[in-house]
Amino acid sequence: MQLWATARLCGPLFYAAAVFAPGVKAAPPQPAPGSALETREVRAQLAPRRYTTLAAEIGAKINRLPLAEGSAFRQGQMLVQFDCQLQQAQLAKAEAALMAANTAWHGNQKLSELNSVGKVELDVSRADALKAQAEVSANRALIGKCQIAAPFSGRIAEQKAREQQYVQPGQPLLEIIDDSQLELEFIVPSRWLAWVRTGTAFEVNIDETGKTYPAKVQRIAARVDPVSQSVKLNAVIDGRFSELAAGMSGKVLMAPPQR
């Protein structure tokens, strides 16, 4: 009886010391690693395969923008045409100067055969002809920038300039996208790497359409984020669906294979 009473008395005293001792705190329970990421919904957004912003390479007035926003185009199709009358006049002037320089050089070559012109004068006329040829080449290259052709097939996402507007070199004109294949980018727990591979098939449910579409993994990030224990995956919609558009988002439906 005495022993039991002592133990009963000491138990609460020890508990009180443990609770109120300075600097001693009870550690809260910790969740299992990766549990938050494992239980949350994995989201993904549709992105175009390729996209870019076309900009002006010369200062000129826009003559034509033949396609409106949302229009489709083929690779090599003309998307922007500038008014290049001034550049064409400069090319004509350079070609005339080249003709004169070549005439002088060829004349000095014939005179040189008759010892009627010095070597220095002959070399200077040849250099003048080469300089004039370079001017012609530069002006022809400038004329080549009077039109902007599509670098790939796709659609116009945004028009940043208008016809008859004067633009400066480097000014954005059109945003274009290649939507022939829509890609998905999303983050999953790194432990999924035990069964996710390039080519792994899954489905994605798109919010805007309310439909589910097939997809497959095409790239896996080169490294794992050690803090969140996650990894980025890049996938592609398996097939072409006209109702899908870049910017739509949805839920990834991916599960480990049944064993």
Protein backbone atom coordinates (compact mmCIF):
# COMPACT_ATOMS: atom_id res chain seq x y z
CA MET A 1 0.00 0.00 0.00
CA GLN A 2 2.74 2.43 0.87
CA LEU A 3 4.63 1.71 -2.28
CA TRP A 4 1.49 2.27 -4.40
CA ALA A 5 0.77 5.59 -2.71
CA THR A 6 4.31 6.83 -3.34
CA ALA A 7 4.12 5.95 -7.00
CA ARG A 8 0.77 7.67 -7.34
CA LEU A 9 2.14 10.78 -5.74
CA CYS A 10 5.34 10.90 -7.75
CA GLY A 11 3.58 10.37 -11.06
CA PRO A 12 1.73 13.75 -11.14
CA LEU A 13 4.78 15.56 -9.76
CA PHE A 14 6.93 14.22 -12.58
CA TYR A 15 4.29 15.12 -15.16
CA ALA A 16 4.09 18.68 -13.86
CA ALA A 17 7.84 19.06 -14.03
CA ALA A 18 7.84 17.87 -17.60
CA VAL A 19 5.15 20.37 -18.62
CA PHE A 20 6.40 23.44 -16.83
CA ALA A 21 10.17 22.98 -16.98
CA PRO A 22 11.74 26.01 -18.77
CA GLY A 23 12.64 25.45 -22.41
CA VAL A 24 10.99 22.05 -22.70
CA LYS A 25 8.28 21.78 -25.39
CA ALA A 26 6.42 18.81 -26.72
CA ALA A 27 7.03 18.27 -30.46
CA PRO A 28 3.85 18.27 -32.57
CA PRO A 29 3.20 15.17 -34.68
CA GLN A 30 4.82 15.37 -38.13
CA PRO A 31 3.03 14.24 -41.32
CA ALA A 32 4.61 11.55 -43.42
CA PRO A 33 7.04 12.90 -46.08
CA GLY A 34 5.30 13.73 -49.36
CA SER A 35 1.84 13.08 -47.94
CA ALA A 36 0.53 16.58 -48.73
CA LEU A 37 1.69 16.36 -52.34
CA GLU A 38 0.42 12.82 -52.69
CA THR A 39 -3.11 13.71 -51.57
CA ARG A 40 -3.55 16.99 -53.41
CA GLU A 41 -4.99 17.34 -56.90
CA VAL A 42 -2.35 17.41 -59.64
CA ARG A 43 -3.10 20.26 -62.03
CA ALA A 44 -1.75 20.89 -65.53
CA GLN A 45 -2.10 23.61 -68.14
CA LEU A 46 -2.16 23.26 -71.91
CA ALA A 47 0.68 25.06 -73.68
CA PRO A 48 1.59 25.32 -77.38
CA ARG A 49 4.39 23.21 -78.78
CA ARG A 50 6.22 26.30 -80.04
CA TYR A 51 5.54 30.01 -79.66
CA THR A 52 7.32 33.26 -80.40
CA THR A 53 6.87 37.00 -80.85
CA LEU A 54 7.57 38.40 -84.32
CA ALA A 55 9.19 41.85 -84.25
CA ALA A 56 10.08 44.45 -86.86
CA GLU A 57 13.69 44.38 -88.10
CA ILE A 58 13.45 47.71 -89.90
CA GLY A 59 11.80 51.06 -89.25
CA ALA A 60 8.90 51.30 -91.69
CA LYS A 61 5.13 51.63 -92.09
CA ILE A 62 3.06 48.45 -92.09
CA ASN A 63 1.27 48.04 -95.42
CA ARG A 64 -0.55 44.76 -94.80
CA LEU A 65 -1.41 42.40 -91.98
CA PRO A 66 -3.36 39.86 -94.02
CA LEU A 67 -4.45 37.63 -91.11
CA ALA A 68 -6.52 38.52 -88.05
CA GLU A 69 -6.09 37.22 -84.51
CA GLY A 70 -6.91 33.53 -84.24
CA SER A 71 -6.26 32.85 -87.93
CA ALA A 72 -4.27 29.81 -88.98
CA PHE A 73 -1.24 30.04 -91.29
CA ARG A 74 1.30 27.78 -92.99
CA GLN A 75 5.05 27.81 -92.65
CA GLY A 76 6.53 30.39 -95.04
CA GLN A 77 3.26 32.31 -95.45
CA MET A 78 3.57 36.12 -95.42
CA LEU A 79 2.30 37.56 -92.12
CA VAL A 80 3.52 41.18 -92.31
CA GLN A 81 4.33 43.43 -95.29
CA PHE A 82 6.01 46.81 -94.88
CA ASP A 83 6.07 49.88 -97.14
CA CYS A 84 9.64 49.74 -98.46
CA GLN A 85 9.65 52.36 -101.23
CA LEU A 86 12.56 54.19 -99.58
CA GLN A 87 14.59 50.98 -99.23
CA GLN A 88 13.92 50.10 -102.87
CA ALA A 89 15.13 53.54 -103.97
CA GLN A 90 18.29 53.09 -101.91
CA LEU A 91 18.87 49.72 -103.58
CA ALA A 92 18.49 51.28 -107.02
CA LYS A 93 21.01 53.98 -106.08
CA ALA A 94 23.49 51.37 -104.82
CA GLU A 95 23.12 49.32 -108.02
CA ALA A 96 23.85 52.42 -110.10
CA ALA A 97 26.95 53.15 -108.03
CA LEU A 98 28.07 49.54 -108.52
CA MET A 99 27.67 49.86 -112.28
CA ALA A 100 29.81 52.98 -112.31
CA ALA A 101 32.48 51.41 -110.09
CA ASN A 102 32.67 48.28 -112.24
CA THR A 103 32.98 50.38 -115.40
CA ALA A 104 35.89 52.35 -113.89
CA TRP A 105 37.62 49.20 -112.70
CA HIS A 106 37.31 47.35 -116.01
CA GLY A 107 38.53 50.48 -117.87
CA ASN A 108 41.59 50.71 -115.60
CA GLN A 109 42.29 47.01 -116.19
CA LYS A 110 42.52 47.62 -119.95
CA LEU A 111 44.66 50.71 -119.41
CA SER A 112 46.91 48.70 -117.12
CA GLU A 113 47.58 46.24 -119.94
CA LEU A 114 48.81 49.20 -122.00
CA ASN A 115 50.84 50.52 -119.05
CA SER A 116 48.69 53.64 -119.11
CA VAL A 117 47.56 53.55 -115.44
CA GLY A 118 49.43 53.03 -112.21
CA LYS A 119 48.97 50.01 -109.94
CA VAL A 120 47.67 52.17 -107.07
CA GLU A 121 44.92 53.66 -109.21
CA LEU A 122 43.98 50.18 -110.44
CA ASP A 123 43.76 48.83 -106.88
CA VAL A 124 41.67 51.80 -105.73
CA SER A 125 39.17 51.29 -108.56
CA ARG A 126 38.91 47.61 -107.65
CA ALA A 127 38.30 48.50 -104.00
CA ASP A 128 35.60 50.98 -105.05
CA ALA A 129 33.86 48.22 -107.03
CA LEU A 130 33.98 45.85 -104.05
CA LYS A 131 32.60 48.57 -101.77
CA ALA A 132 29.74 49.26 -104.17
CA GLN A 133 28.97 45.52 -104.33
CA ALA A 134 28.81 45.41 -100.53
CA GLU A 135 26.36 48.33 -100.54
CA VAL A 136 24.12 46.50 -102.99
CA SER A 137 24.20 43.34 -100.86
CA ALA A 138 23.31 45.31 -97.72
CA ASN A 139 20.36 47.01 -99.41
CA ARG A 140 19.11 43.72 -100.82
CA ALA A 141 19.25 42.21 -97.32
CA LEU A 142 17.24 45.20 -96.08
CA ILE A 143 14.64 44.65 -98.80
CA GLY A 144 14.40 41.04 -97.64
CA LYS A 145 13.13 42.31 -94.27
CA CYS A 146 10.22 44.13 -95.88
CA GLN A 147 8.15 40.99 -95.38
CA ILE A 148 7.91 38.67 -92.40
CA ALA A 149 7.15 35.03 -93.21
CA ALA A 150 5.87 32.46 -90.74
CA PRO A 151 8.75 30.42 -89.24
CA PHE A 152 6.36 27.50 -88.61
CA SER A 153 2.72 26.58 -89.14
CA GLY A 154 0.32 27.71 -86.44
CA ARG A 155 -2.10 30.45 -85.41
CA ILE A 156 -1.93 34.13 -84.51
CA ALA A 157 -2.42 34.50 -80.76
CA GLU A 158 -2.21 38.30 -80.52
CA GLN A 159 -1.80 41.25 -82.89
CA LYS A 160 0.30 44.00 -81.32
CA ALA A 161 0.35 46.45 -84.26
CA ARG A 162 -2.06 47.69 -86.94
CA GLU A 163 -1.91 48.44 -90.65
CA GLN A 164 -0.58 51.91 -91.59
CA GLN A 165 1.25 52.10 -88.25
CA TYR A 166 4.91 53.11 -88.33
CA VAL A 167 7.04 50.74 -86.27
CA GLN A 168 10.61 50.84 -85.01
CA PRO A 169 13.20 48.05 -85.25
CA GLY A 170 12.61 45.55 -82.47
CA GLN A 171 8.97 46.52 -81.91
CA PRO A 172 6.71 43.45 -81.30
CA LEU A 173 4.13 42.89 -84.03
CA LEU A 174 2.56 39.44 -83.65
CA GLU A 175 2.50 36.65 -81.11
CA ILE A 176 2.22 33.30 -82.87
CA ILE A 177 1.84 29.74 -81.55
CA ASP A 178 2.18 26.26 -82.98
CA ASP A 179 -0.86 24.40 -81.65
CA SER A 180 -0.41 21.29 -83.79
CA GLN A 181 0.45 19.50 -80.54
CA LEU A 182 -0.57 20.80 -77.12
CA GLU A 183 1.74 20.09 -74.22
CA LEU A 184 1.12 19.65 -70.50
CA GLU A 185 3.47 20.60 -67.68
CA PHE A 186 2.80 19.51 -64.11
CA ILE A 187 4.50 18.53 -60.84
CA VAL A 188 4.18 15.12 -59.17
CA PRO A 189 5.74 13.45 -56.09
CA SER A 190 9.28 12.29 -56.78
CA ARG A 191 8.43 8.78 -55.54
CA TRP A 192 6.31 8.43 -58.70
CA LEU A 193 9.57 8.06 -60.59
CA ALA A 194 9.48 4.43 -59.47
CA TRP A 195 6.83 3.80 -62.13
CA VAL A 196 6.56 6.91 -64.36
CA ARG A 197 8.59 6.65 -67.56
CA THR A 198 8.85 8.51 -70.87
CA GLY A 199 5.87 7.31 -72.85
CA THR A 200 3.72 6.52 -69.79
CA ALA A 201 0.07 6.94 -70.82
CA PHE A 202 -2.51 8.72 -68.66
CA GLU A 203 -5.57 10.95 -69.00
CA VAL A 204 -6.29 14.60 -68.25
CA ASN A 205 -9.70 16.09 -67.50
CA ILE A 206 -9.94 19.63 -68.98
CA ASP A 207 -12.09 22.09 -67.01
CA GLU A 208 -13.20 24.20 -69.97
CA THR A 209 -14.57 21.29 -72.01
CA GLY A 210 -15.52 18.91 -69.20
CA LYS A 211 -14.00 16.06 -71.21
CA THR A 212 -11.15 13.63 -70.61
CA TYR A 213 -8.32 13.30 -73.14
CA PRO A 214 -5.47 10.80 -73.58
CA ALA A 215 -1.92 11.99 -73.00
CA LYS A 216 1.56 10.55 -72.59
CA VAL A 217 4.71 11.65 -70.79
CA GLN A 218 7.39 12.94 -73.16
CA ARG A 219 9.99 14.47 -70.82
CA ILE A 220 11.00 14.13 -67.17
CA ALA A 221 12.91 16.91 -65.42
CA ALA A 222 16.63 16.34 -64.96
CA ARG A 223 16.51 16.86 -61.18
CA VAL A 224 14.20 16.41 -58.20
CA ASP A 225 13.32 19.30 -55.88
CA PRO A 226 14.75 18.08 -52.53
CA VAL A 227 12.57 20.43 -50.45
CA SER A 228 9.15 19.47 -51.80
CA GLN A 229 10.28 15.99 -52.96
CA SER A 230 8.65 16.64 -56.32
CA VAL A 231 9.61 16.46 -59.99
CA LYS A 232 8.32 18.23 -63.11
CA LEU A 233 6.85 16.22 -65.97
CA ASN A 234 6.17 17.35 -69.52
CA ALA A 235 3.51 15.50 -71.51
CA VAL A 236 1.67 15.84 -74.82
CA ILE A 237 -1.97 15.37 -75.72
CA ASP A 238 -2.16 12.11 -77.68
CA GLY A 239 -4.17 13.18 -80.73
CA ARG A 240 -5.65 16.38 -82.13
CA PHE A 241 -8.89 17.79 -80.72
CA SER A 242 -10.25 20.97 -82.29
CA GLU A 243 -11.97 22.15 -79.11
CA LEU A 244 -8.72 22.33 -77.14
CA ALA A 245 -6.79 25.60 -76.96
CA ALA A 246 -3.60 26.78 -75.30
CA GLY A 247 -4.19 28.14 -71.80
CA MET A 248 -6.87 25.62 -70.82
CA SER A 249 -6.18 23.68 -67.64
CA GLY A 250 -7.37 20.54 -65.92
CA LYS A 251 -6.76 17.65 -63.57
CA VAL A 252 -4.20 14.94 -64.25
CA LEU A 253 -5.60 11.43 -63.88
CA MET A 254 -2.53 9.30 -63.28
CA ALA A 255 -2.21 6.24 -61.04
CA PRO A 256 0.50 3.63 -60.50
CA PRO A 257 0.09 0.36 -62.44
CA GLN A 258 -1.75 -2.48 -60.71
CA ARG A 259 0.56 -5.18 -59.40
